[in-house]
Amino acid sequence: MKNNRAENLKGGGNRSRNGVSWSGRWACPRSCFAISALIVLGVLSPLPANASPQKRGATAQTRPTSLTINTEPNAVVWIDEIRRGVTDASGTLELKNVSAARHMLRVRAMGFKEANVPLLAGRRSIAVKLIRTTDQAELTFQRAEDAREKARDDAAREEAAELYRQALKIRAAYPAAHLGLARVLLDLNQYQAALEEISAARRTRPAYAEASAVEGRINREAAFNDEAIQSFRRAIREGRGFQPEAHVGLARVLEDKGQYEEAIVEFRKAIDQLSDSEPVIYQLLGAAYEKQQKYKEAVTAYEKYLALAPNGSLAPAIRSIIEQLRRDAAGQEIIP
C-alpha cells in the first residue's frame, strides 16, 4: 500500500520513534536484539558560518594526538562541530585521537556566552575563557538544550520543546533554537511540525548543513527514503563534505533500500570524520557487513567497537554476536 505522506508527517508513520540518534532498533540477522544508540543528536552540529571544516585529507595525513582543554566546569566541548565531551568539576577535558591539523573548537557552559575559537595545528592544550551572559534568549536556549539532552520520556521532551519556544519568543531569528525544537519534535513523532522548524531555521540561515541532516532524519522516520536521501546529500554539500551525521543517515537509508555496499562506504566516511570518537558507528558497520554475509569483516568491525568501548552498553550483546558469527563462518572461512 502506498504511504500517505500527510499522515506520516503528522506522526505514526511506519517507523517507530525510539528517541535515539542513529542506530535506533537494529534487527540483527541472527541475534535480533534491540540497540539503543549512544549518540544524542545534539552531538553533531554544523560548522559556524565563518568556520571551515577540517578536510579529510588533513585527517588522513596527520597522526592523532591528545588535547587538554581548560575552561569552565561542566562545559560541553565540540571539535569541528563534533561533540567530544564535558569538562570535569575543575573545568578540564582530556581528549585522545585528535588530529594535529587545524580545528575549530566550540565551548558552551550554562550562564556563559558560547565561544568559538580556532585550534591551531599541533596544539596539545588550550585554555578557553568564557564570558558570562545576560542574554535571556541564549540562557533559555541553553536550558532547552540541557533539557533535551537529559529527556528520557515524552513529558520531559515536551518541557524541552516549551523552553525552545520561549527562547524563540525572545529572539525569533534564532536558527539553532529552531533546529533544537525540530529535534525534540522529531523525538515526539511530530514530523510535520519538525519540518516547519527546519524551514524556519533556513529563513535566517539558508545553507545549514545540520538542518539538512535533521530534515533527512525526519523524512526517514516518516518512511520517505527518496526525500531523505536528497536531504542527506544536501547536508553533505552544505558541509563541504564534512557532515558525519548526514553520512550515517544516508547509510541507514541505503541499508533500508538493500544497498549495503553503498551504505558501508557512507559508514566509513563517517568513521573517518569522527576519528573513532563514536564507537557505535562500528556496530552499525558490522551490522551492514553481516547483512551481506561478510562475517569476517563484520567481526572486525564489532571488535573495533569493543576495543573503543569495552564496557559500553552494547558490549555484552556484541560479544555474543561475535561468538555466533565465528561459528557461522567456520564452514565458510576460519576466522582466527
C-alpha atoms as a PDB file:
ATOM      1  CA  MET A   1       0.000   0.000   0.000  1.00  0.00           C
ATOM      2  CA  LYS A   2       1.317   3.431  -0.910  1.00  0.00           C
ATOM      3  CA  ASN A   3       2.322   5.558   2.081  1.00  0.00           C
ATOM      4  CA  ASN A   4       0.242   8.635   2.827  1.00  0.00           C
ATOM      5  CA  ARG A   5       2.772  11.434   3.189  1.00  0.00           C
ATOM      6  CA  ALA A   6       0.500  13.825   5.091  1.00  0.00           C
ATOM      7  CA  GLU A   7      -0.473  11.184   7.652  1.00  0.00           C
ATOM      8  CA  ASN A   8       3.096  10.001   8.090  1.00  0.00           C
ATOM      9  CA  LEU A   9       4.352  13.531   8.635  1.00  0.00           C
ATOM     10  CA  LYS A  10       1.831  14.018  11.415  1.00  0.00           C
ATOM     11  CA  GLY A  11       3.477  11.091  13.175  1.00  0.00           C
ATOM     12  CA  GLY A  12       2.575   7.460  13.273  1.00  0.00           C
ATOM     13  CA  GLY A  13       4.315   6.553  10.035  1.00  0.00           C
ATOM     14  CA  ASN A  14       5.615   3.025   9.711  1.00  0.00           C
ATOM     15  CA  ARG A  15       8.814   3.795  11.634  1.00  0.00           C
ATOM     16  CA  SER A  16       8.717   3.674  15.392  1.00  0.00           C
ATOM     17  CA  ARG A  17      10.188   6.603  17.279  1.00  0.00           C
ATOM     18  CA  ASN A  18      12.813   5.497  19.743  1.00  0.00           C
ATOM     19  CA  GLY A  19      14.432   8.714  20.871  1.00  0.00           C
ATOM     20  CA  VAL A  20      17.880   7.742  19.616  1.00  0.00           C
ATOM     21  CA  SER A  21      20.090   9.342  17.072  1.00  0.00           C
ATOM     22  CA  TRP A  22      21.438   6.873  14.565  1.00  0.00           C
ATOM     23  CA  SER A  23      21.030   3.233  15.306  1.00  0.00           C
ATOM     24  CA  GLY A  24      17.531   3.031  16.720  1.00  0.00           C
ATOM     25  CA  ARG A  25      16.250  -0.566  16.769  1.00  0.00           C
ATOM     26  CA  TRP A  26      18.528  -2.750  14.692  1.00  0.00           C
ATOM     27  CA  ALA A  27      17.249  -6.164  13.740  1.00  0.00           C
ATOM     28  CA  CYS A  28      20.335  -8.291  13.686  1.00  0.00           C
ATOM     29  CA  PRO A  29      20.034 -11.103  11.143  1.00  0.00           C
ATOM     30  CA  ARG A  30      20.916 -13.597  13.900  1.00  0.00           C
ATOM     31  CA  SER A  31      20.728 -12.202  17.389  1.00  0.00           C
ATOM     32  CA  CYS A  32      17.758  -9.838  16.770  1.00  0.00           C
ATOM     33  CA  PHE A  33      18.480  -7.735  19.846  1.00  0.00           C
ATOM     34  CA  ALA A  34      17.382  -4.107  20.166  1.00  0.00           C
ATOM     35  CA  ILE A  35      20.097  -1.469  20.268  1.00  0.00           C
ATOM     36  CA  SER A  36      19.824   1.979  21.760  1.00  0.00           C
ATOM     37  CA  ALA A  37      22.322   4.347  20.160  1.00  0.00           C
ATOM     38  CA  LEU A  38      24.821   6.051  22.407  1.00  0.00           C
ATOM     39  CA  ILE A  39      24.772   9.273  20.425  1.00  0.00           C
ATOM     40  CA  VAL A  40      22.350  12.078  21.187  1.00  0.00           C
ATOM     41  CA  LEU A  41      21.857  14.220  18.099  1.00  0.00           C
ATOM     42  CA  GLY A  42      22.914  17.351  19.800  1.00  0.00           C
ATOM     43  CA  VAL A  43      26.353  15.854  19.446  1.00  0.00           C
ATOM     44  CA  LEU A  44      26.734  16.682  15.794  1.00  0.00           C
ATOM     45  CA  SER A  45      26.144  20.288  14.881  1.00  0.00           C
ATOM     46  CA  PRO A  46      27.012  22.375  11.837  1.00  0.00           C
ATOM     47  CA  LEU A  47      30.090  24.484  11.493  1.00  0.00           C
ATOM     48  CA  PRO A  48      29.629  28.178  12.272  1.00  0.00           C
ATOM     49  CA  ALA A  49      29.110  30.305   9.184  1.00  0.00           C
ATOM     50  CA  ASN A  50      32.618  31.719   9.390  1.00  0.00           C
ATOM     51  CA  ALA A  51      34.381  28.418  10.068  1.00  0.00           C
ATOM     52  CA  SER A  52      35.936  25.919   7.718  1.00  0.00           C
ATOM     53  CA  PRO A  53      35.555  22.192   8.328  1.00  0.00           C
ATOM     54  CA  GLN A  54      38.628  20.054   8.649  1.00  0.00           C
ATOM     55  CA  LYS A  55      39.420  18.461   5.317  1.00  0.00           C
ATOM     56  CA  ARG A  56      39.505  14.685   5.100  1.00  0.00           C
ATOM     57  CA  GLY A  57      42.915  14.791   3.506  1.00  0.00           C
ATOM     58  CA  ALA A  58      44.345  16.527   6.534  1.00  0.00           C
ATOM     59  CA  THR A  59      42.797  13.926   8.796  1.00  0.00           C
ATOM     60  CA  ALA A  60      44.396  11.112   6.884  1.00  0.00           C
ATOM     61  CA  GLN A  61      47.829  12.709   6.799  1.00  0.00           C
ATOM     62  CA  THR A  62      48.182  13.787  10.425  1.00  0.00           C
ATOM     63  CA  ARG A  63      48.729  11.463  13.349  1.00  0.00           C
ATOM     64  CA  PRO A  64      46.171  11.610  16.162  1.00  0.00           C
ATOM     65  CA  THR A  65      47.390  13.153  19.383  1.00  0.00           C
ATOM     66  CA  SER A  66      45.959  14.147  22.757  1.00  0.00           C
ATOM     67  CA  LEU A  67      44.459  17.508  23.620  1.00  0.00           C
ATOM     68  CA  THR A  68      43.750  19.085  27.003  1.00  0.00           C
ATOM     69  CA  ILE A  69      41.075  21.774  27.220  1.00  0.00           C
ATOM     70  CA  ASN A  70      40.721  24.051  30.235  1.00  0.00           C
ATOM     71  CA  THR A  71      37.600  26.174  30.654  1.00  0.00           C
ATOM     72  CA  GLU A  72      34.545  26.380  32.930  1.00  0.00           C
ATOM     73  CA  PRO A  73      33.315  23.289  34.830  1.00  0.00           C
ATOM     74  CA  ASN A  74      30.653  21.146  33.148  1.00  0.00           C
ATOM     75  CA  ALA A  75      31.199  22.822  29.784  1.00  0.00           C
ATOM     76  CA  VAL A  76      30.267  20.984  26.605  1.00  0.00           C
ATOM     77  CA  VAL A  77      33.068  20.822  24.034  1.00  0.00           C
ATOM     78  CA  TRP A  78      32.812  20.354  20.279  1.00  0.00           C
ATOM     79  CA  ILE A  79      35.715  19.947  17.854  1.00  0.00           C
ATOM     80  CA  ASP A  80      34.848  20.617  14.217  1.00  0.00           C
ATOM     81  CA  GLU A  81      31.238  20.582  15.472  1.00  0.00           C
ATOM     82  CA  ILE A  82      31.558  17.020  16.764  1.00  0.00           C
ATOM     83  CA  ARG A  83      30.684  16.839  20.435  1.00  0.00           C
ATOM     84  CA  ARG A  84      33.683  15.377  22.245  1.00  0.00           C
ATOM     85  CA  GLY A  85      32.685  15.556  25.895  1.00  0.00           C
ATOM     86  CA  VAL A  86      32.063  17.626  29.013  1.00  0.00           C
ATOM     87  CA  THR A  87      34.681  19.190  31.272  1.00  0.00           C
ATOM     88  CA  ASP A  88      35.024  17.923  34.832  1.00  0.00           C
ATOM     89  CA  ALA A  89      34.499  19.847  38.072  1.00  0.00           C
ATOM     90  CA  SER A  90      37.840  21.571  37.576  1.00  0.00           C
ATOM     91  CA  GLY A  91      36.956  22.636  34.028  1.00  0.00           C
ATOM     92  CA  THR A  92      39.319  20.169  32.335  1.00  0.00           C
ATOM     93  CA  LEU A  93      38.693  17.768  29.485  1.00  0.00           C
ATOM     94  CA  GLU A  94      41.400  15.469  28.114  1.00  0.00           C
ATOM     95  CA  LEU A  95      40.807  14.082  24.657  1.00  0.00           C
ATOM     96  CA  LYS A  96      42.535  11.420  22.614  1.00  0.00           C
ATOM     97  CA  ASN A  97      42.520  10.830  18.872  1.00  0.00           C
ATOM     98  CA  VAL A  98      42.574  14.491  17.901  1.00  0.00           C
ATOM     99  CA  SER A  99      44.457  15.007  14.668  1.00  0.00           C
ATOM    100  CA  ALA A 100      47.304  17.506  14.633  1.00  0.00           C
ATOM    101  CA  ALA A 101      45.566  19.512  11.906  1.00  0.00           C
ATOM    102  CA  ARG A 102      43.824  22.853  12.421  1.00  0.00           C
ATOM    103  CA  HIS A 103      40.387  22.610  14.049  1.00  0.00           C
ATOM    104  CA  MET A 104      37.525  24.779  15.220  1.00  0.00           C
ATOM    105  CA  LEU A 105      36.695  24.479  18.910  1.00  0.00           C
ATOM    106  CA  ARG A 106      33.282  25.318  20.344  1.00  0.00           C
ATOM    107  CA  VAL A 107      32.585  25.532  24.078  1.00  0.00           C
ATOM    108  CA  ARG A 108      29.300  26.074  25.889  1.00  0.00           C
ATOM    109  CA  ALA A 109      28.643  26.342  29.635  1.00  0.00           C
ATOM    110  CA  MET A 110      25.412  27.276  31.365  1.00  0.00           C
ATOM    111  CA  GLY A 111      25.303  31.001  32.100  1.00  0.00           C
ATOM    112  CA  PHE A 112      28.141  31.884  29.743  1.00  0.00           C
ATOM    113  CA  LYS A 113      28.292  33.143  26.175  1.00  0.00           C
ATOM    114  CA  GLU A 114      29.154  30.312  23.807  1.00  0.00           C
ATOM    115  CA  ALA A 115      32.684  30.573  22.381  1.00  0.00           C
ATOM    116  CA  ASN A 116      34.078  29.507  19.008  1.00  0.00           C
ATOM    117  CA  VAL A 117      37.868  29.586  18.838  1.00  0.00           C
ATOM    118  CA  PRO A 118      40.393  28.221  16.331  1.00  0.00           C
ATOM    119  CA  LEU A 119      42.670  25.423  17.437  1.00  0.00           C
ATOM    120  CA  LEU A 120      45.972  25.790  15.654  1.00  0.00           C
ATOM    121  CA  ALA A 121      47.695  22.772  14.169  1.00  0.00           C
ATOM    122  CA  GLY A 122      49.852  20.870  16.625  1.00  0.00           C
ATOM    123  CA  ARG A 123      48.391  22.374  19.810  1.00  0.00           C
ATOM    124  CA  ARG A 124      48.335  19.930  22.738  1.00  0.00           C
ATOM    125  CA  SER A 125      46.464  22.173  25.174  1.00  0.00           C
ATOM    126  CA  ILE A 126      44.239  25.231  25.104  1.00  0.00           C
ATOM    127  CA  ALA A 127      42.530  27.461  27.657  1.00  0.00           C
ATOM    128  CA  VAL A 128      39.149  28.914  26.689  1.00  0.00           C
ATOM    129  CA  LYS A 129      37.891  31.814  28.766  1.00  0.00           C
ATOM    130  CA  LEU A 130      34.116  32.142  28.731  1.00  0.00           C
ATOM    131  CA  ILE A 131      32.275  35.373  29.451  1.00  0.00           C
ATOM    132  CA  ARG A 132      29.077  35.440  31.482  1.00  0.00           C
ATOM    133  CA  THR A 133      25.977  36.471  29.572  1.00  0.00           C
ATOM    134  CA  THR A 134      22.697  38.146  30.467  1.00  0.00           C
ATOM    135  CA  ASP A 135      21.189  37.400  27.047  1.00  0.00           C
ATOM    136  CA  GLN A 136      17.859  35.829  28.006  1.00  0.00           C
ATOM    137  CA  ALA A 137      17.394  34.177  24.615  1.00  0.00           C
ATOM    138  CA  GLU A 138      20.763  32.434  24.873  1.00  0.00           C
ATOM    139  CA  LEU A 139      20.226  31.469  28.508  1.00  0.00           C
ATOM    140  CA  THR A 140      16.815  29.984  27.740  1.00  0.00           C
ATOM    141  CA  PHE A 141      18.257  28.183  24.712  1.00  0.00           C
ATOM    142  CA  GLN A 142      20.956  26.666  26.920  1.00  0.00           C
ATOM    143  CA  ARG A 143      18.300  25.412  29.339  1.00  0.00           C
ATOM    144  CA  ALA A 144      16.380  23.928  26.405  1.00  0.00           C
ATOM    145  CA  GLU A 145      19.456  22.138  25.076  1.00  0.00           C
ATOM    146  CA  ASP A 146      20.226  20.743  28.519  1.00  0.00           C
ATOM    147  CA  ALA A 147      16.615  19.604  28.962  1.00  0.00           C
ATOM    148  CA  ARG A 148      16.548  17.932  25.539  1.00  0.00           C
ATOM    149  CA  GLU A 149      19.733  16.003  26.155  1.00  0.00           C
ATOM    150  CA  LYS A 150      18.504  14.792  29.546  1.00  0.00           C
ATOM    151  CA  ALA A 151      14.953  13.960  28.429  1.00  0.00           C
ATOM    152  CA  ARG A 152      14.038  10.284  28.791  1.00  0.00           C
ATOM    153  CA  ASP A 153      10.280  10.430  28.209  1.00  0.00           C
ATOM    154  CA  ASP A 154       7.776  12.454  26.236  1.00  0.00           C
ATOM    155  CA  ALA A 155       6.804  14.632  29.186  1.00  0.00           C
ATOM    156  CA  ALA A 156      10.411  15.761  29.556  1.00  0.00           C
ATOM    157  CA  ARG A 157      10.675  16.298  25.803  1.00  0.00           C
ATOM    158  CA  GLU A 158       7.572  18.499  25.869  1.00  0.00           C
ATOM    159  CA  GLU A 159       9.202  20.590  28.608  1.00  0.00           C
ATOM    160  CA  ALA A 160      12.306  20.987  26.451  1.00  0.00           C
ATOM    161  CA  ALA A 161      10.147  21.995  23.482  1.00  0.00           C
ATOM    162  CA  GLU A 162       8.475  24.685  25.572  1.00  0.00           C
ATOM    163  CA  LEU A 163      11.869  26.097  26.561  1.00  0.00           C
ATOM    164  CA  TYR A 164      12.868  26.327  22.896  1.00  0.00           C
ATOM    165  CA  ARG A 165       9.614  28.149  22.173  1.00  0.00           C
ATOM    166  CA  GLN A 166      10.335  30.585  24.993  1.00  0.00           C
ATOM    167  CA  ALA A 167      13.772  31.298  23.535  1.00  0.00           C
ATOM    168  CA  LEU A 168      12.187  31.909  20.131  1.00  0.00           C
ATOM    169  CA  LYS A 169       9.675  34.330  21.626  1.00  0.00           C
ATOM    170  CA  ILE A 170      12.598  36.366  22.878  1.00  0.00           C
ATOM    171  CA  ARG A 171      14.552  36.091  19.625  1.00  0.00           C
ATOM    172  CA  ALA A 172      12.574  34.931  16.603  1.00  0.00           C
ATOM    173  CA  ALA A 173      15.613  34.770  14.300  1.00  0.00           C
ATOM    174  CA  TYR A 174      17.449  32.029  16.189  1.00  0.00           C
ATOM    175  CA  PRO A 175      18.286  29.165  13.794  1.00  0.00           C
ATOM    176  CA  ALA A 176      19.881  26.942  16.452  1.00  0.00           C
ATOM    177  CA  ALA A 177      16.737  27.174  18.606  1.00  0.00           C
ATOM    178  CA  HIS A 178      14.513  26.291  15.653  1.00  0.00           C
ATOM    179  CA  LEU A 179      16.757  23.322  14.950  1.00  0.00           C
ATOM    180  CA  GLY A 180      16.777  22.187  18.572  1.00  0.00           C
ATOM    181  CA  LEU A 181      12.995  22.357  18.621  1.00  0.00           C
ATOM    182  CA  ALA A 182      12.900  20.338  15.390  1.00  0.00           C
ATOM    183  CA  ARG A 183      14.967  17.621  17.043  1.00  0.00           C
ATOM    184  CA  VAL A 184      12.588  17.446  20.009  1.00  0.00           C
ATOM    185  CA  LEU A 185       9.544  17.335  17.746  1.00  0.00           C
ATOM    186  CA  LEU A 186      11.175  14.517  15.787  1.00  0.00           C
ATOM    187  CA  ASP A 187      11.634  12.602  19.039  1.00  0.00           C
ATOM    188  CA  LEU A 188       7.952  13.267  19.763  1.00  0.00           C
ATOM    189  CA  ASN A 189       6.995  11.834  16.359  1.00  0.00           C
ATOM    190  CA  GLN A 190       5.630  15.223  15.223  1.00  0.00           C
ATOM    191  CA  TYR A 191       7.183  15.138  11.778  1.00  0.00           C
ATOM    192  CA  GLN A 192       5.296  17.954  10.049  1.00  0.00           C
ATOM    193  CA  ALA A 193       5.900  20.356  12.935  1.00  0.00           C
ATOM    194  CA  ALA A 194       9.576  19.374  12.920  1.00  0.00           C
ATOM    195  CA  LEU A 195       9.863  20.154   9.210  1.00  0.00           C
ATOM    196  CA  GLU A 196       8.267  23.551   9.810  1.00  0.00           C
ATOM    197  CA  GLU A 197      11.008  24.348  12.319  1.00  0.00           C
ATOM    198  CA  ILE A 198      13.655  23.302   9.795  1.00  0.00           C
ATOM    199  CA  SER A 199      12.121  25.721   7.295  1.00  0.00           C
ATOM    200  CA  ALA A 200      12.110  28.475   9.927  1.00  0.00           C
ATOM    201  CA  ALA A 201      15.793  27.855  10.677  1.00  0.00           C
ATOM    202  CA  ARG A 202      16.615  28.163   6.978  1.00  0.00           C
ATOM    203  CA  ARG A 203      14.886  31.504   6.650  1.00  0.00           C
ATOM    204  CA  THR A 204      17.711  33.015   8.685  1.00  0.00           C
ATOM    205  CA  ARG A 205      20.433  30.555   7.717  1.00  0.00           C
ATOM    206  CA  PRO A 206      19.745  29.188   4.217  1.00  0.00           C
ATOM    207  CA  ALA A 207      22.829  26.945   3.949  1.00  0.00           C
ATOM    208  CA  TYR A 208      22.547  24.953   7.171  1.00  0.00           C
ATOM    209  CA  ALA A 209      24.171  21.531   6.999  1.00  0.00           C
ATOM    210  CA  GLU A 210      22.849  20.261  10.306  1.00  0.00           C
ATOM    211  CA  ALA A 211      19.322  21.370   9.455  1.00  0.00           C
ATOM    212  CA  SER A 212      19.500  19.378   6.231  1.00  0.00           C
ATOM    213  CA  ALA A 213      20.788  16.338   8.131  1.00  0.00           C
ATOM    214  CA  VAL A 214      17.916  16.549  10.629  1.00  0.00           C
ATOM    215  CA  GLU A 215      15.471  17.026   7.751  1.00  0.00           C
ATOM    216  CA  GLY A 216      16.855  13.784   6.340  1.00  0.00           C
ATOM    217  CA  ARG A 217      16.187  12.016   9.631  1.00  0.00           C
ATOM    218  CA  ILE A 218      12.634  13.339   9.718  1.00  0.00           C
ATOM    219  CA  ASN A 219      11.981  12.061   6.201  1.00  0.00           C
ATOM    220  CA  ARG A 220      13.497   8.679   7.007  1.00  0.00           C
ATOM    221  CA  GLU A 221      11.396   8.319  10.156  1.00  0.00           C
ATOM    222  CA  ALA A 222       8.314   9.233   8.091  1.00  0.00           C
ATOM    223  CA  ALA A 223       9.323   6.481   5.609  1.00  0.00           C
ATOM    224  CA  PHE A 224      10.136   8.823   2.708  1.00  0.00           C
ATOM    225  CA  ASN A 225      13.508   7.434   1.746  1.00  0.00           C
ATOM    226  CA  ASP A 226      13.968   9.288  -1.537  1.00  0.00           C
ATOM    227  CA  GLU A 227      13.396  12.636   0.170  1.00  0.00           C
ATOM    228  CA  ALA A 228      15.702  11.577   2.987  1.00  0.00           C
ATOM    229  CA  ILE A 229      18.483  10.817   0.529  1.00  0.00           C
ATOM    230  CA  GLN A 230      18.092  14.258  -1.051  1.00  0.00           C
ATOM    231  CA  SER A 231      18.276  15.931   2.361  1.00  0.00           C
ATOM    232  CA  PHE A 232      21.334  13.986   3.485  1.00  0.00           C
ATOM    233  CA  ARG A 233      23.177  14.662   0.234  1.00  0.00           C
ATOM    234  CA  ARG A 234      22.360  18.370   0.551  1.00  0.00           C
ATOM    235  CA  ALA A 235      23.739  18.343   4.102  1.00  0.00           C
ATOM    236  CA  ILE A 236      26.988  16.850   2.832  1.00  0.00           C
ATOM    237  CA  ARG A 237      27.235  19.504   0.125  1.00  0.00           C
ATOM    238  CA  GLU A 238      26.490  22.302   2.594  1.00  0.00           C
ATOM    239  CA  GLY A 239      29.114  20.912   4.952  1.00  0.00           C
ATOM    240  CA  ARG A 240      31.597  20.804   2.053  1.00  0.00           C
ATOM    241  CA  GLY A 241      31.959  17.066   2.502  1.00  0.00           C
ATOM    242  CA  PHE A 242      32.254  17.159   6.293  1.00  0.00           C
ATOM    243  CA  GLN A 243      28.933  16.086   7.815  1.00  0.00           C
ATOM    244  CA  PRO A 244      29.203  12.739   9.642  1.00  0.00           C
ATOM    245  CA  GLU A 245      25.602  12.856  10.855  1.00  0.00           C
ATOM    246  CA  ALA A 246      24.454  13.038   7.249  1.00  0.00           C
ATOM    247  CA  HIS A 247      26.829  10.271   6.146  1.00  0.00           C
ATOM    248  CA  VAL A 248      25.419   7.977   8.832  1.00  0.00           C
ATOM    249  CA  GLY A 249      21.852   8.964   7.986  1.00  0.00           C
ATOM    250  CA  LEU A 250      22.469   8.318   4.304  1.00  0.00           C
ATOM    251  CA  ALA A 251      24.000   4.949   5.145  1.00  0.00           C
ATOM    252  CA  ARG A 252      20.899   3.979   7.132  1.00  0.00           C
ATOM    253  CA  VAL A 253      18.604   4.877   4.226  1.00  0.00           C
ATOM    254  CA  LEU A 254      20.755   2.932   1.788  1.00  0.00           C
ATOM    255  CA  GLU A 255      20.522  -0.038   4.162  1.00  0.00           C
ATOM    256  CA  ASP A 256      16.738   0.327   4.145  1.00  0.00           C
ATOM    257  CA  LYS A 257      16.890   0.060   0.357  1.00  0.00           C
ATOM    258  CA  GLY A 258      19.151  -3.011   0.485  1.00  0.00           C
ATOM    259  CA  GLN A 259      22.147  -1.123  -0.935  1.00  0.00           C
ATOM    260  CA  TYR A 260      24.597  -2.444   1.629  1.00  0.00           C
ATOM    261  CA  GLU A 261      27.793  -1.795  -0.323  1.00  0.00           C
ATOM    262  CA  GLU A 262      26.918   1.880  -0.719  1.00  0.00           C
ATOM    263  CA  ALA A 263      25.876   2.049   2.936  1.00  0.00           C
ATOM    264  CA  ILE A 264      29.253   0.697   4.028  1.00  0.00           C
ATOM    265  CA  VAL A 265      31.006   3.445   2.063  1.00  0.00           C
ATOM    266  CA  GLU A 266      28.979   6.080   3.922  1.00  0.00           C
ATOM    267  CA  PHE A 267      29.582   4.476   7.319  1.00  0.00           C
ATOM    268  CA  ARG A 268      33.318   4.517   6.632  1.00  0.00           C
ATOM    269  CA  LYS A 269      33.235   8.181   5.662  1.00  0.00           C
ATOM    270  CA  ALA A 270      31.537   8.963   8.961  1.00  0.00           C
ATOM    271  CA  ILE A 271      34.130   6.930  10.864  1.00  0.00           C
ATOM    272  CA  ASP A 272      36.943   8.846   9.156  1.00  0.00           C
ATOM    273  CA  GLN A 273      35.367  12.180  10.068  1.00  0.00           C
ATOM    274  CA  LEU A 274      34.594  11.197  13.662  1.00  0.00           C
ATOM    275  CA  SER A 275      38.161   9.996  14.367  1.00  0.00           C
ATOM    276  CA  ASP A 276      36.871   6.980  16.329  1.00  0.00           C
ATOM    277  CA  SER A 277      35.065   9.258  18.796  1.00  0.00           C
ATOM    278  CA  GLU A 278      31.783   7.363  18.333  1.00  0.00           C
ATOM    279  CA  PRO A 279      32.266   3.576  18.664  1.00  0.00           C
ATOM    280  CA  VAL A 280      28.606   2.897  17.845  1.00  0.00           C
ATOM    281  CA  ILE A 281      29.363   3.526  14.155  1.00  0.00           C
ATOM    282  CA  TYR A 282      31.464   0.355  14.145  1.00  0.00           C
ATOM    283  CA  GLN A 283      28.418  -1.552  15.414  1.00  0.00           C
ATOM    284  CA  LEU A 284      26.385  -0.157  12.515  1.00  0.00           C
ATOM    285  CA  LEU A 285      29.164  -1.028  10.094  1.00  0.00           C
ATOM    286  CA  GLY A 286      29.345  -4.568  11.462  1.00  0.00           C
ATOM    287  CA  ALA A 287      25.592  -4.959  11.021  1.00  0.00           C
ATOM    288  CA  ALA A 288      25.852  -3.873   7.379  1.00  0.00           C
ATOM    289  CA  TYR A 289      28.630  -6.401   6.729  1.00  0.00           C
ATOM    290  CA  GLU A 290      26.602  -9.079   8.471  1.00  0.00           C
ATOM    291  CA  LYS A 291      23.634  -8.450   6.193  1.00  0.00           C
ATOM    292  CA  GLN A 292      25.995  -9.042   3.280  1.00  0.00           C
ATOM    293  CA  GLN A 293      27.119 -12.285   4.930  1.00  0.00           C
ATOM    294  CA  LYS A 294      30.640 -10.873   5.109  1.00  0.00           C
ATOM    295  CA  TYR A 295      31.226 -12.353   8.521  1.00  0.00           C
ATOM    296  CA  LYS A 296      34.953 -11.755   8.746  1.00  0.00           C
ATOM    297  CA  GLU A 297      34.517  -8.031   8.061  1.00  0.00           C
ATOM    298  CA  ALA A 298      31.581  -7.906  10.477  1.00  0.00           C
ATOM    299  CA  VAL A 299      33.683  -9.431  13.249  1.00  0.00           C
ATOM    300  CA  THR A 300      36.487  -6.936  12.576  1.00  0.00           C
ATOM    301  CA  ALA A 301      34.060  -4.016  12.873  1.00  0.00           C
ATOM    302  CA  TYR A 302      32.471  -5.395  16.045  1.00  0.00           C
ATOM    303  CA  GLU A 303      35.875  -5.984  17.599  1.00  0.00           C
ATOM    304  CA  LYS A 304      36.796  -2.371  16.861  1.00  0.00           C
ATOM    305  CA  TYR A 305      33.711  -1.289  18.792  1.00  0.00           C
ATOM    306  CA  LEU A 306      34.834  -3.441  21.727  1.00  0.00           C
ATOM    307  CA  ALA A 307      38.359  -2.012  21.559  1.00  0.00           C
ATOM    308  CA  LEU A 308      36.973   1.522  21.793  1.00  0.00           C
ATOM    309  CA  ALA A 309      34.166   0.793  24.271  1.00  0.00           C
ATOM    310  CA  PRO A 310      34.946  -2.432  26.162  1.00  0.00           C
ATOM    311  CA  ASN A 311      32.426  -1.507  28.851  1.00  0.00           C
ATOM    312  CA  GLY A 312      29.888   0.072  26.537  1.00  0.00           C
ATOM    313  CA  SER A 313      26.206  -0.763  26.834  1.00  0.00           C
ATOM    314  CA  LEU A 314      26.338  -2.768  23.604  1.00  0.00           C
ATOM    315  CA  ALA A 315      29.473  -4.710  24.526  1.00  0.00           C
ATOM    316  CA  PRO A 316      27.854  -7.849  26.045  1.00  0.00           C
ATOM    317  CA  ALA A 317      25.491  -8.290  23.090  1.00  0.00           C
ATOM    318  CA  ILE A 318      28.267  -7.669  20.576  1.00  0.00           C
ATOM    319  CA  ARG A 319      30.490 -10.276  22.229  1.00  0.00           C
ATOM    320  CA  SER A 320      27.663 -12.793  21.847  1.00  0.00           C
ATOM    321  CA  ILE A 321      27.227 -11.855  18.194  1.00  0.00           C
ATOM    322  CA  ILE A 322      30.946 -12.290  17.522  1.00  0.00           C
ATOM    323  CA  GLU A 323      30.872 -15.781  19.017  1.00  0.00           C
ATOM    324  CA  GLN A 324      27.891 -16.713  16.877  1.00  0.00           C
ATOM    325  CA  LEU A 325      29.417 -15.208  13.744  1.00  0.00           C
ATOM    326  CA  ARG A 326      32.606 -17.166  14.283  1.00  0.00           C
ATOM    327  CA  ARG A 327      30.559 -20.356  14.434  1.00  0.00           C
ATOM    328  CA  ASP A 328      28.543 -19.373  11.350  1.00  0.00           C
ATOM    329  CA  ALA A 329      31.690 -18.508   9.428  1.00  0.00           C
ATOM    330  CA  ALA A 330      33.505 -21.672  10.380  1.00  0.00           C
ATOM    331  CA  GLY A 331      32.110 -23.542   7.393  1.00  0.00           C
ATOM    332  CA  GLN A 332      32.866 -20.624   5.085  1.00  0.00           C
ATOM    333  CA  GLU A 333      36.261 -19.410   6.282  1.00  0.00           C
ATOM    334  CA  ILE A 334      38.057 -19.819   9.555  1.00  0.00           C
ATOM    335  CA  ILE A 335      38.339 -16.511  11.407  1.00  0.00           C
ATOM    336  CA  PRO A 336      41.369 -16.517  13.743  1.00  0.00           C
END
